Amino acid sequence: MLRAVTLICAAMLLLSASVWIARGQMGKANQWAMDNALIGPDSPIEVPAGGTYHAKVMYPVPDGPLFPLNADVTWWIEPAVKGILVEAKSGAITVASTVPRGTLALVHADVAGRKEKLHAKLYVYSPKVDPLVGSWKVDSTQACKPGSKEAPVAQTTTGYDLDWKFHVDKQFWIGRDLGMQAGVQQYGAYEFNRAHSVLKLIPKWPARQSESRWKVSLDQAGDTMQLTSRPEHHGESSACSYMLHKMASGN
């Protein structure tokens, strides 16, 4: 009987210790999330005139997207910008159609339990003038020939999950946001000639990567884009192309 009581007491002590350790680990994890919190899911925030966006306080997790932080948050825009509003508790942002293209606003978040406030820039753009702005996902590819300077990314069997991002400030980014292979394949500046539907990529990384020029074909809705290398550079037989679909923003 005494042995049974002893075993029960030992089990209870082990259970208590496990709970205490788990709580300690959970507390450390929660504190890490709080310390590494940021405004997302996009950075910077880019909203079309007449559009909406749902800002969230989030934190990074391994092999995955940003994860929402479970905390009370108060949102505001300062200095105030006419036509741009954010709901104080939900983070829902609305941009009036009258807000001029190129307008910049500063979004702020006060997170309960966090000493420092969070801040993010919000840019307003026009889909008609800036049709490439946003995140795009590769749908299918016709591989560029090895060594072709037109190929902006490595041609691999996993190239279908690459993200292409074009920002308001004329910067682009190609890579993977998520998973074990997350990382940047290429980034730099871009120029888009709407009159001739020509896109020029000017890489900053990798070093010594050649510039490339692409013919752009957008569907009527503006959410499907085909990029085809300019055939005058290498001949029709060496042309390669990417088909991309625009991804939904943080709504």
Protein backbone atom coordinates (compact mmCIF):
# COMPACT_ATOMS: atom_id res chain seq x y z
CA MET A 1 0.00 0.00 0.00
CA LEU A 2 2.80 2.37 0.97
CA ARG A 3 4.58 1.57 -2.28
CA ALA A 4 1.41 2.37 -4.24
CA VAL A 5 1.01 5.70 -2.43
CA THR A 6 4.66 6.49 -3.10
CA LEU A 7 4.25 5.72 -6.80
CA ILE A 8 1.14 7.90 -6.98
CA CYS A 9 2.95 10.78 -5.26
CA ALA A 10 5.89 10.42 -7.61
CA ALA A 11 3.58 10.41 -10.62
CA MET A 12 1.85 13.55 -9.34
CA LEU A 13 5.21 15.25 -8.85
CA LEU A 14 6.29 14.31 -12.37
CA LEU A 15 2.99 15.59 -13.77
CA SER A 16 3.34 18.85 -11.86
CA ALA A 17 6.91 19.23 -13.08
CA SER A 18 5.83 18.55 -16.67
CA VAL A 19 3.08 21.15 -16.43
CA TRP A 20 5.50 23.66 -14.91
CA ILE A 21 8.07 23.03 -17.66
CA ALA A 22 5.41 23.22 -20.36
CA ARG A 23 4.13 26.50 -18.95
CA GLY A 24 7.66 27.83 -18.82
CA GLN A 25 8.29 26.83 -22.42
CA MET A 26 4.94 28.26 -23.48
CA GLY A 27 5.76 31.48 -21.68
CA LYS A 28 9.10 31.70 -23.47
CA ALA A 29 7.42 30.97 -26.81
CA ASN A 30 4.77 33.62 -26.20
CA GLN A 31 7.41 36.14 -25.21
CA TRP A 32 9.44 35.33 -28.32
CA ALA A 33 6.36 35.88 -30.49
CA MET A 34 5.68 39.17 -28.74
CA ASP A 35 9.29 40.34 -29.11
CA ASN A 36 9.35 39.46 -32.83
CA ALA A 37 5.90 40.76 -33.71
CA LEU A 38 5.41 42.86 -36.83
CA ILE A 39 2.63 44.26 -38.97
CA GLY A 40 1.63 41.94 -41.81
CA PRO A 41 0.82 39.94 -43.74
CA ASP A 42 2.54 42.11 -46.38
CA SER A 43 5.45 44.48 -46.01
CA PRO A 44 5.22 47.16 -47.13
CA ILE A 45 1.43 47.46 -47.30
CA GLU A 46 0.30 48.29 -50.83
CA VAL A 47 -3.37 49.11 -51.42
CA PRO A 48 -5.03 50.25 -54.66
CA ALA A 49 -7.09 53.43 -54.60
CA GLY A 50 -10.61 52.34 -53.75
CA GLY A 51 -9.35 49.12 -52.15
CA THR A 52 -9.27 47.55 -48.70
CA TYR A 53 -6.70 45.70 -46.63
CA HIS A 54 -6.77 43.80 -43.33
CA ALA A 55 -3.65 44.57 -41.31
CA LYS A 56 -2.66 42.10 -38.62
CA VAL A 57 -0.02 41.84 -35.92
CA MET A 58 1.90 38.65 -36.70
CA TYR A 59 5.10 36.78 -35.95
CA PRO A 60 7.33 34.45 -38.02
CA VAL A 61 7.18 30.68 -37.60
CA PRO A 62 9.59 28.03 -38.98
CA ASP A 63 8.70 26.65 -42.42
CA GLY A 64 5.48 28.59 -42.64
CA PRO A 65 3.77 31.91 -43.18
CA LEU A 66 3.52 34.67 -40.63
CA PHE A 67 1.15 33.66 -37.84
CA PRO A 68 -1.37 36.02 -36.18
CA LEU A 69 -0.44 37.09 -32.67
CA ASN A 70 -3.16 36.50 -30.08
CA ALA A 71 -3.24 39.90 -28.38
CA ASP A 72 -5.35 43.02 -28.05
CA VAL A 73 -4.26 45.60 -30.61
CA THR A 74 -5.17 49.25 -31.13
CA TRP A 75 -4.64 50.64 -34.64
CA TRP A 76 -4.30 54.17 -35.97
CA ILE A 77 -2.83 56.22 -38.81
CA GLU A 78 -0.59 59.17 -37.97
CA PRO A 79 -0.30 61.71 -39.39
CA ALA A 80 -3.86 61.48 -40.65
CA VAL A 81 -4.30 61.10 -44.40
CA LYS A 82 -7.57 62.15 -46.02
CA GLY A 83 -9.36 59.17 -47.51
CA ILE A 84 -7.38 56.47 -45.64
CA LEU A 85 -9.02 54.99 -42.55
CA VAL A 86 -8.22 52.09 -40.23
CA GLU A 87 -10.63 50.55 -37.74
CA ALA A 88 -9.08 50.86 -34.28
CA LYS A 89 -9.78 47.29 -33.14
CA SER A 90 -9.94 45.18 -36.30
CA GLY A 91 -7.10 46.67 -38.36
CA ALA A 92 -9.37 46.89 -41.42
CA ILE A 93 -8.03 49.59 -43.75
CA THR A 94 -10.07 51.34 -46.43
CA VAL A 95 -8.62 53.61 -49.11
CA ALA A 96 -11.03 55.93 -50.91
CA SER A 97 -10.99 55.96 -54.69
CA THR A 98 -10.14 59.67 -54.55
CA VAL A 99 -6.79 59.10 -52.81
CA PRO A 100 -4.04 60.02 -55.28
CA ARG A 101 -1.64 57.40 -56.57
CA GLY A 102 1.66 57.57 -54.72
CA THR A 103 0.13 58.63 -51.39
CA LEU A 104 2.06 57.35 -48.36
CA ALA A 105 0.53 56.70 -44.93
CA LEU A 106 2.05 55.43 -41.70
CA VAL A 107 0.14 52.67 -39.89
CA HIS A 108 0.73 52.17 -36.18
CA ALA A 109 -0.23 49.36 -33.78
CA ASP A 110 -0.21 49.36 -29.98
CA VAL A 111 -0.04 45.73 -28.80
CA ALA A 112 -1.14 44.95 -25.25
CA GLY A 113 1.81 43.49 -23.35
CA ARG A 114 4.41 44.94 -25.67
CA LYS A 115 6.37 48.05 -24.76
CA GLU A 116 7.36 49.17 -28.25
CA LYS A 117 4.69 50.10 -30.76
CA LEU A 118 4.74 48.67 -34.27
CA HIS A 119 4.82 50.71 -37.47
CA ALA A 120 4.41 50.05 -41.19
CA LYS A 121 4.30 52.08 -44.39
CA LEU A 122 1.24 52.01 -46.63
CA TYR A 123 1.49 52.94 -50.30
CA VAL A 124 -1.47 53.73 -52.55
CA TYR A 125 -1.25 52.73 -56.19
CA SER A 126 -3.41 52.62 -59.31
CA PRO A 127 -4.02 49.19 -60.89
CA LYS A 128 -4.32 50.87 -64.29
CA VAL A 129 -0.98 52.66 -64.00
CA ASP A 130 0.74 49.96 -61.92
CA PRO A 131 -0.75 46.68 -63.23
CA LEU A 132 2.18 44.54 -62.09
CA VAL A 133 2.13 45.61 -58.43
CA GLY A 134 1.33 42.66 -56.17
CA SER A 135 2.29 39.03 -55.60
CA TRP A 136 2.18 36.51 -58.44
CA LYS A 137 2.49 32.72 -58.47
CA VAL A 138 4.03 30.77 -61.33
CA ASP A 139 1.39 28.57 -62.98
CA SER A 140 3.45 26.93 -65.73
CA THR A 141 6.79 27.42 -67.42
CA GLN A 142 8.58 26.74 -70.65
CA ALA A 143 12.14 26.32 -69.47
CA CYS A 144 14.73 28.76 -70.74
CA LYS A 145 17.79 27.18 -72.28
CA PRO A 146 20.68 26.62 -69.84
CA GLY A 147 22.84 29.68 -69.63
CA SER A 148 20.28 31.97 -71.25
CA LYS A 149 20.54 35.40 -69.73
CA GLU A 150 16.79 35.71 -70.09
CA ALA A 151 16.15 33.13 -67.37
CA PRO A 152 15.54 35.15 -64.17
CA VAL A 153 15.42 32.09 -61.92
CA ALA A 154 16.90 28.63 -61.85
CA GLN A 155 14.83 26.19 -63.88
CA THR A 156 13.92 23.33 -61.54
CA THR A 157 11.11 20.86 -61.16
CA THR A 158 9.93 22.89 -58.16
CA GLY A 159 9.93 26.19 -60.03
CA TYR A 160 6.14 26.19 -60.06
CA ASP A 161 5.90 27.36 -56.47
CA LEU A 162 8.03 30.46 -56.94
CA ASP A 163 6.54 33.80 -55.98
CA TRP A 164 7.13 36.93 -58.04
CA LYS A 165 6.54 40.24 -56.29
CA PHE A 166 6.46 43.68 -57.86
CA HIS A 167 6.36 46.66 -55.51
CA VAL A 168 5.18 50.24 -55.86
CA ASP A 169 8.75 51.51 -55.42
CA LYS A 170 9.80 49.62 -58.60
CA GLN A 171 11.56 46.82 -56.77
CA PHE A 172 10.97 43.15 -57.59
CA TRP A 173 11.56 39.92 -55.71
CA ILE A 174 11.52 36.29 -56.90
CA GLY A 175 11.70 33.36 -54.49
CA ARG A 176 9.78 31.25 -52.01
CA ASP A 177 8.15 32.60 -48.88
CA LEU A 178 7.43 29.25 -47.24
CA GLY A 179 8.86 25.82 -46.56
CA MET A 180 12.32 24.34 -46.22
CA GLN A 181 13.37 25.90 -49.53
CA ALA A 182 12.22 29.40 -48.61
CA GLY A 183 14.59 32.08 -49.82
CA VAL A 184 15.36 34.63 -52.48
CA GLN A 185 16.22 33.54 -56.02
CA GLN A 186 16.62 37.07 -57.34
CA TYR A 187 15.78 40.67 -56.46
CA GLY A 188 16.40 44.12 -57.89
CA ALA A 189 14.69 46.95 -59.74
CA TYR A 190 12.27 46.81 -62.62
CA GLU A 191 10.99 49.10 -65.35
CA PHE A 192 7.67 48.60 -67.09
CA ASN A 193 6.83 50.34 -70.35
CA ARG A 194 3.03 50.20 -70.53
CA ALA A 195 2.90 51.64 -74.06
CA HIS A 196 4.97 48.75 -75.44
CA SER A 197 4.13 46.15 -72.75
CA VAL A 198 7.81 45.53 -72.07
CA LEU A 199 9.21 44.61 -68.66
CA LYS A 200 12.90 45.10 -67.84
CA LEU A 201 14.39 43.33 -64.83
CA ILE A 202 17.57 44.88 -63.38
CA PRO A 203 18.95 42.42 -60.81
CA LYS A 204 20.88 43.52 -57.75
CA TRP A 205 21.31 39.94 -56.57
CA PRO A 206 22.79 37.50 -57.55
CA ALA A 207 25.81 39.60 -58.36
CA ARG A 208 26.66 39.96 -62.04
CA GLN A 209 23.24 38.66 -63.09
CA SER A 210 22.39 40.08 -66.52
CA GLU A 211 19.41 42.32 -67.15
CA SER A 212 16.49 40.73 -68.96
CA ARG A 213 13.59 42.03 -71.06
CA TRP A 214 10.17 40.45 -71.31
CA LYS A 215 7.04 40.93 -73.37
CA VAL A 216 4.06 41.26 -71.01
CA SER A 217 0.58 39.99 -71.85
CA LEU A 218 -2.12 40.67 -69.27
CA ASP A 219 -5.67 39.34 -69.42
CA GLN A 220 -8.58 41.77 -69.28
CA ALA A 221 -9.05 41.32 -65.54
CA GLY A 222 -5.36 41.94 -64.89
CA ASP A 223 -4.92 38.83 -62.74
CA THR A 224 -3.18 36.56 -65.26
CA MET A 225 0.12 37.53 -66.86
CA GLN A 226 2.35 35.86 -69.43
CA LEU A 227 6.00 36.89 -69.58
CA THR A 228 7.83 35.94 -72.77
CA SER A 229 11.50 36.63 -73.36
CA ARG A 230 12.17 39.07 -76.20
CA PRO A 231 12.91 36.85 -79.23
CA GLU A 232 15.15 39.44 -80.88
CA HIS A 233 17.81 38.64 -78.28
CA HIS A 234 18.20 34.92 -78.90
CA GLY A 235 15.90 33.98 -81.75
CA GLU A 236 12.42 32.52 -81.56
CA SER A 237 13.70 29.04 -80.75
CA SER A 238 15.33 30.19 -77.52
CA ALA A 239 12.37 32.13 -76.17
CA CYS A 240 11.04 31.11 -72.78
CA SER A 241 7.94 32.15 -70.91
CA TYR A 242 6.24 32.20 -67.54
CA MET A 243 2.52 32.17 -66.85
CA LEU A 244 1.65 33.83 -63.56
CA HIS A 245 -1.56 34.35 -61.57
CA LYS A 246 -2.01 37.25 -59.17
CA MET A 247 -2.43 36.22 -55.56
CA ALA A 248 -4.96 37.79 -53.21
CA SER A 249 -3.55 40.48 -50.95
CA GLY A 250 -4.02 40.62 -47.17
CA ASN A 251 -7.77 41.08 -47.18
